[in-house]
Each structure stands twice: as C-alpha cells, then as structure tokens.
C-alpha cells in the first residue's frame, strides 16, 4: 500500500500483515522425491481447500530447497485459521505463497497463472508492463516505537525500537535517521539474528522536544540496502499496491505525537 502517498495512521495498518513463527513440518522435496518427479517438472501448483481454492505456482527449485509442508506452529498443532491440518511454507517469500489448508500439489512444466499471480500480487510498471512472480521479500524495516500508537510521552532518554527482515538471508545492519535521511546513526541488533526471520533493533537516544523525521534503513548480508521511496518509485512507478519496501518515515511532532508521512 501507500505507493502514491501516506494513507494509514497506524503501524498496524502500514506494516501489520507481518509475522514470524517457529514452524514444524516435512521438507517438500522429501514428498516430491517419494512421488518420483520427472525431469520435465519445472513448477508445482499448491492448491488450498478454502472456498476460493487459493493456489500459487512455485518454481521446482524452491520446492526442492527449503519449502516445508507444515503441521505445527510455535510448538502446537496448526490452528484452523492457520491452515490445519497442513499448509505450505516458503521461507523468505511473500506470505500468500504459503498455501493454507493444503489439499493437493501438482507438478507441471510451466506456471498455471492463477488469479493471485496475474491480477493480484503483480506490479504494474509505468510502461504498462507488469512484474510477475515477485516472490522474495526484499529487505525492509520499520520503527515500532515510537509510532502512531506509541507516541513519545516526555522529553529525555528514550529507546527507539524496530524490526528488520529480508527474504535473502540475515540482516547485517540497521541505521537510524532523525532528519529524514540526511544523516544516519547505527542501531544495535538485539537478540538472535536468524536467516529469513524478524530481527529486532534499538537505539537509546535523547529527545529534546524538537520535531524529528524518524527513519530506519536496513542492509542484508548480500549488501542490498533498503531503498528510499524515490529510488523505488523511479524503478517501479506508483501503480502497484504490493512489494513496497522503501524506507518509512514517522514524523515526531513537538508534543510527541507521531504521524505517518512520505518524503523522498
């Protein structure tokens, strides 16, 4: 969302469709090898048992790599709303490829071009073409405190906290800007830094009541740097509603309130 302008006045709305869990399951490659996939098999189709028959085409390379058929989440059996009894899990990829209520898997020599990979989850470019099969979650980050739901109560020492993630491996570093990206200060990565998982970061600083344009910028272990909004728009235009991973800006007002704004 928000490719054309700031619309949401809450962290839950700008970055809320996000989660990180401990999953238990069987590598899909074990099942495919047992079934005897032929060399001409280049794609799989994963189909859900929900009313819409949610389905996605997935390259065989991913299916034979780290894709799981999952039966447990955070140490307990999958709950109905999370896909019981089985769901697919594609680590590091956009969540809609991890099909819930998995009912069947088909192998073919080309993608099936389902609704969620044609009219949905594609990115309309400025030249009229559309980016398709944009699976990997590009490096992203967001400051979770302060945010619109967590304003600054008073001046003095505060801890800026946030989350960073990447579908290409591990987060290497996160920097914080108080002036809208003119200057940057390194943040501290907290806790475990795991592959394709949320990474916490923080920075203790002093707020003196002056307005801030607060940003975070993540870098992953491949060297990919989270882009500015201008860089992302120059590359992809403003027609998409998916795959936005540009640097996000919170405007801290003099009274400590936090607003969602967009700057270059």
Protein backbone atom coordinates (compact mmCIF):
# COMPACT_ATOMS: atom_id res chain seq x y z
CA UNK A 1 0.00 0.00 0.00
CA UNK A 2 0.86 3.70 0.04
CA UNK A 3 2.80 3.77 -3.23
CA UNK A 4 1.18 7.11 -4.17
CA UNK A 5 1.10 8.70 -0.73
CA UNK A 6 0.79 8.21 3.02
CA UNK A 7 -2.69 6.91 3.86
CA UNK A 8 -2.53 4.91 7.07
CA UNK A 9 -2.19 6.50 10.51
CA UNK A 10 -1.12 3.40 12.40
CA UNK A 11 1.78 0.98 12.42
CA UNK A 12 -0.70 -1.88 12.37
CA UNK A 13 -2.03 -0.62 9.04
CA UNK A 14 1.27 0.29 7.37
CA UNK A 15 3.16 -2.87 8.38
CA UNK A 16 0.61 -5.04 10.18
CA UNK A 17 0.38 -8.02 7.81
CA UNK A 18 3.61 -9.46 9.15
CA UNK A 19 4.52 -12.35 11.41
CA UNK A 20 7.43 -14.59 12.37
CA UNK A 21 6.89 -18.04 13.84
CA UNK A 22 8.56 -21.34 14.61
CA UNK A 23 7.27 -23.92 12.15
CA UNK A 24 7.44 -27.73 12.20
CA UNK A 25 6.99 -29.83 9.10
CA UNK A 26 8.41 -32.06 6.40
CA UNK A 27 10.59 -30.77 3.55
CA UNK A 28 8.50 -30.79 0.39
CA UNK A 29 11.44 -32.28 -1.51
CA UNK A 30 11.06 -35.50 0.51
CA UNK A 31 7.49 -35.91 -0.71
CA UNK A 32 8.34 -34.97 -4.29
CA UNK A 33 11.24 -37.41 -4.38
CA UNK A 34 8.99 -40.13 -2.97
CA UNK A 35 6.43 -39.37 -5.68
CA UNK A 36 9.10 -39.58 -8.38
CA UNK A 37 9.04 -36.16 -10.03
CA UNK A 38 10.13 -36.34 -13.66
CA UNK A 39 12.94 -34.14 -15.06
CA UNK A 40 10.45 -32.09 -17.10
CA UNK A 41 8.77 -30.96 -13.89
CA UNK A 42 9.71 -27.27 -13.58
CA UNK A 43 6.87 -25.88 -11.44
CA UNK A 44 4.47 -27.05 -8.77
CA UNK A 45 0.92 -25.87 -8.14
CA UNK A 46 -0.10 -25.73 -4.49
CA UNK A 47 -3.87 -25.63 -4.00
CA UNK A 48 -5.81 -24.83 -0.84
CA UNK A 49 -9.09 -26.34 0.31
CA UNK A 50 -10.65 -22.97 1.15
CA UNK A 51 -13.68 -21.69 -0.72
CA UNK A 52 -11.59 -19.67 -3.17
CA UNK A 53 -9.24 -22.60 -3.88
CA UNK A 54 -6.29 -20.30 -3.25
CA UNK A 55 -3.48 -21.57 -5.49
CA UNK A 56 0.05 -20.50 -6.38
CA UNK A 57 2.65 -21.63 -8.91
CA UNK A 58 6.06 -22.23 -7.33
CA UNK A 59 9.33 -22.98 -9.17
CA UNK A 60 10.62 -26.50 -8.62
CA UNK A 61 13.96 -25.06 -7.44
CA UNK A 62 12.24 -23.54 -4.41
CA UNK A 63 10.14 -26.63 -3.80
CA UNK A 64 13.29 -28.78 -3.70
CA UNK A 65 15.15 -26.29 -1.50
CA UNK A 66 13.59 -25.09 1.76
CA UNK A 67 9.81 -25.32 1.20
CA UNK A 68 8.04 -27.19 4.00
CA UNK A 69 4.72 -28.96 4.39
CA UNK A 70 3.88 -27.72 7.87
CA UNK A 71 1.71 -29.30 10.59
CA UNK A 72 2.72 -27.30 13.69
CA UNK A 73 3.27 -23.65 14.63
CA UNK A 74 5.07 -22.42 17.75
CA UNK A 75 5.09 -25.88 19.29
CA UNK A 76 1.42 -26.77 18.81
CA UNK A 77 -0.63 -28.26 16.00
CA UNK A 78 -1.78 -25.79 13.38
CA UNK A 79 -4.92 -23.95 14.36
CA UNK A 80 -7.81 -23.92 11.87
CA UNK A 81 -7.26 -20.28 10.95
CA UNK A 82 -3.59 -21.02 10.23
CA UNK A 83 -4.25 -23.83 7.77
CA UNK A 84 -4.99 -27.01 9.77
CA UNK A 85 -4.24 -29.80 9.11
CA UNK A 86 -1.45 -28.92 6.64
CA UNK A 87 -0.12 -25.82 4.97
CA UNK A 88 2.80 -24.93 2.76
CA UNK A 89 5.62 -22.69 3.98
CA UNK A 90 8.03 -20.88 1.68
CA UNK A 91 10.68 -19.21 3.87
CA UNK A 92 11.63 -15.71 2.76
CA UNK A 93 8.82 -15.43 0.21
CA UNK A 94 5.63 -13.38 0.26
CA UNK A 95 3.10 -14.96 2.57
CA UNK A 96 0.39 -15.71 0.03
CA UNK A 97 2.59 -18.43 -1.50
CA UNK A 98 2.39 -20.38 1.78
CA UNK A 99 -0.93 -22.00 0.93
CA UNK A 100 -3.19 -22.84 3.87
CA UNK A 101 -5.44 -25.92 4.13
CA UNK A 102 -3.23 -27.64 1.56
CA UNK A 103 -5.29 -30.16 -0.41
CA UNK A 104 -3.09 -31.09 -3.37
CA UNK A 105 0.18 -30.44 -5.17
CA UNK A 106 0.52 -30.77 -8.93
CA UNK A 107 3.76 -30.81 -10.92
CA UNK A 108 4.00 -29.31 -14.40
CA UNK A 109 6.38 -27.86 -16.97
CA UNK A 110 5.12 -24.25 -16.73
CA UNK A 111 3.30 -21.97 -14.27
CA UNK A 112 -0.50 -22.06 -14.04
CA UNK A 113 -1.05 -18.27 -13.89
CA UNK A 114 -3.66 -18.30 -11.16
CA UNK A 115 -5.51 -15.17 -10.05
CA UNK A 116 -3.00 -14.43 -7.28
CA UNK A 117 -0.14 -14.32 -9.79
CA UNK A 118 -1.82 -12.34 -12.58
CA UNK A 119 -4.40 -9.76 -11.45
CA UNK A 120 -3.09 -9.92 -7.87
CA UNK A 121 0.43 -9.80 -6.41
CA UNK A 122 1.92 -8.39 -9.61
CA UNK A 123 3.32 -4.88 -10.00
CA UNK A 124 2.07 -2.65 -12.82
CA UNK A 125 5.03 -0.63 -14.10
CA UNK A 126 4.98 2.86 -15.58
CA UNK A 127 5.46 1.48 -19.12
CA UNK A 128 2.36 -0.72 -18.85
CA UNK A 129 4.20 -3.97 -18.25
CA UNK A 130 3.77 -5.93 -15.03
CA UNK A 131 6.37 -7.58 -12.83
CA UNK A 132 5.30 -11.14 -12.12
CA UNK A 133 6.43 -13.84 -9.72
CA UNK A 134 7.98 -11.33 -7.33
CA UNK A 135 8.38 -13.95 -4.65
CA UNK A 136 11.24 -12.83 -2.40
CA UNK A 137 10.62 -10.43 0.47
CA UNK A 138 13.10 -7.63 -0.18
CA UNK A 139 14.97 -6.10 2.74
CA UNK A 140 12.67 -3.95 4.84
CA UNK A 141 12.44 -2.34 8.27
CA UNK A 142 10.11 -0.24 10.40
CA UNK A 143 10.38 1.60 13.69
CA UNK A 144 7.79 0.18 16.08
CA UNK A 145 8.41 2.61 18.95
CA UNK A 146 7.74 5.46 18.71
CA UNK A 147 4.90 5.10 16.23
CA UNK A 148 1.34 6.49 15.96
CA UNK A 149 0.13 4.00 18.57
CA UNK A 150 3.13 4.70 20.84
CA UNK A 151 3.84 8.45 20.98
CA UNK A 152 6.69 9.93 23.00
CA UNK A 153 5.32 10.84 26.43
CA UNK A 154 8.00 13.25 27.60
CA UNK A 155 11.43 14.57 26.71
CA UNK A 156 14.57 12.83 27.91
CA UNK A 157 16.12 9.44 27.24
CA UNK A 158 14.07 7.15 25.01
CA UNK A 159 14.70 3.83 23.30
CA UNK A 160 13.91 3.67 19.61
CA UNK A 161 12.92 0.11 18.70
CA UNK A 162 12.01 -1.64 15.49
CA UNK A 163 12.02 -4.71 13.29
CA UNK A 164 14.01 -5.54 10.16
CA UNK A 165 13.73 -8.52 7.83
CA UNK A 166 14.86 -9.91 4.49
CA UNK A 167 13.95 -12.92 2.39
CA UNK A 168 17.54 -13.25 1.16
CA UNK A 169 19.22 -14.28 4.40
CA UNK A 170 20.18 -12.32 7.51
CA UNK A 171 20.03 -8.66 8.42
CA UNK A 172 23.55 -7.22 8.60
CA UNK A 173 22.90 -3.73 9.97
CA UNK A 174 20.23 -1.11 10.61
CA UNK A 175 20.75 2.64 10.70
CA UNK A 176 18.51 5.35 12.17
CA UNK A 177 17.95 8.87 10.82
CA UNK A 178 16.35 11.74 12.73
CA UNK A 179 16.41 14.21 9.83
CA UNK A 180 14.70 12.35 7.01
CA UNK A 181 17.75 10.53 5.68
CA UNK A 182 20.32 13.34 5.65
CA UNK A 183 22.44 11.68 8.33
CA UNK A 184 22.44 8.20 9.86
CA UNK A 185 23.38 6.60 13.19
CA UNK A 186 23.93 2.83 13.56
CA UNK A 187 21.41 0.96 15.68
CA UNK A 188 22.09 -2.15 17.75
CA UNK A 189 20.78 -5.52 16.61
CA UNK A 190 19.11 -7.28 19.54
CA UNK A 191 18.76 -10.97 20.28
CA UNK A 192 19.26 -13.68 17.68
CA UNK A 193 19.88 -12.66 14.09
CA UNK A 194 18.37 -15.56 12.16
CA UNK A 195 18.04 -16.39 8.49
CA UNK A 196 14.81 -15.09 6.89
CA UNK A 197 13.40 -14.01 10.24
CA UNK A 198 12.47 -10.79 12.01
CA UNK A 199 15.45 -9.05 13.62
CA UNK A 200 15.00 -6.55 16.44
CA UNK A 201 17.00 -3.34 16.59
CA UNK A 202 17.20 -0.45 19.04
CA UNK A 203 18.94 2.83 19.75
CA UNK A 204 18.94 4.73 23.03
CA UNK A 205 18.96 8.48 22.48
CA UNK A 206 17.68 11.73 23.94
CA UNK A 207 14.64 13.61 22.68
CA UNK A 208 14.60 17.31 23.48
CA UNK A 209 11.14 18.11 22.16
CA UNK A 210 12.30 19.06 18.68
CA UNK A 211 10.44 17.57 15.68
CA UNK A 212 12.04 14.54 14.01
CA UNK A 213 11.67 12.84 10.66
CA UNK A 214 12.43 9.38 12.00
CA UNK A 215 13.55 6.60 9.64
CA UNK A 216 15.22 3.20 9.71
CA UNK A 217 17.30 1.70 6.91
CA UNK A 218 18.23 -1.99 6.80
CA UNK A 219 21.07 -3.74 4.98
CA UNK A 220 21.10 -7.50 4.45
CA UNK A 221 24.06 -9.87 4.27
CA UNK A 222 24.11 -9.73 0.45
CA UNK A 223 24.79 -5.99 0.62
CA UNK A 224 21.31 -4.97 -0.53
CA UNK A 225 20.33 -1.63 1.01
CA UNK A 226 16.70 -0.77 1.71
CA UNK A 227 15.82 1.87 -0.93
CA UNK A 228 14.39 5.34 -0.49
CA UNK A 229 10.86 5.98 -1.67
CA UNK A 230 12.21 7.99 -4.59
CA UNK A 231 14.52 5.16 -5.67
CA UNK A 232 11.69 2.64 -5.52
CA UNK A 233 9.30 4.86 -7.48
CA UNK A 234 11.94 5.56 -10.14
CA UNK A 235 12.40 1.83 -10.62
CA UNK A 236 8.76 0.69 -10.44
CA UNK A 237 6.44 3.69 -10.75
CA UNK A 238 3.46 4.28 -8.47
CA UNK A 239 0.77 1.95 -9.81
CA UNK A 240 1.48 -1.07 -7.62
CA UNK A 241 -0.07 -1.91 -4.27
CA UNK A 242 2.34 -4.75 -3.46
CA UNK A 243 6.03 -5.26 -2.62
CA UNK A 244 6.73 -1.81 -1.18
CA UNK A 245 9.93 -1.98 0.87
CA UNK A 246 11.07 1.64 0.83
CA UNK A 247 12.35 3.49 3.88
CA UNK A 248 9.41 4.50 6.07
CA UNK A 249 9.11 7.88 7.79
CA UNK A 250 7.44 8.78 11.08
CA UNK A 251 7.13 12.50 11.81
CA UNK A 252 7.61 13.20 15.51
CA UNK A 253 5.75 16.36 16.49
CA UNK A 254 6.89 18.75 19.23
CA UNK A 255 4.21 17.31 21.55
CA UNK A 256 5.47 13.75 20.99
CA UNK A 257 2.67 12.64 18.68
CA UNK A 258 3.69 10.53 15.68
CA UNK A 259 2.33 10.87 12.16
CA UNK A 260 2.82 8.81 9.01
CA UNK A 261 4.41 10.93 6.27
CA UNK A 262 6.22 10.36 2.99
CA UNK A 263 9.38 12.12 1.87
CA UNK A 264 11.98 11.23 -0.74
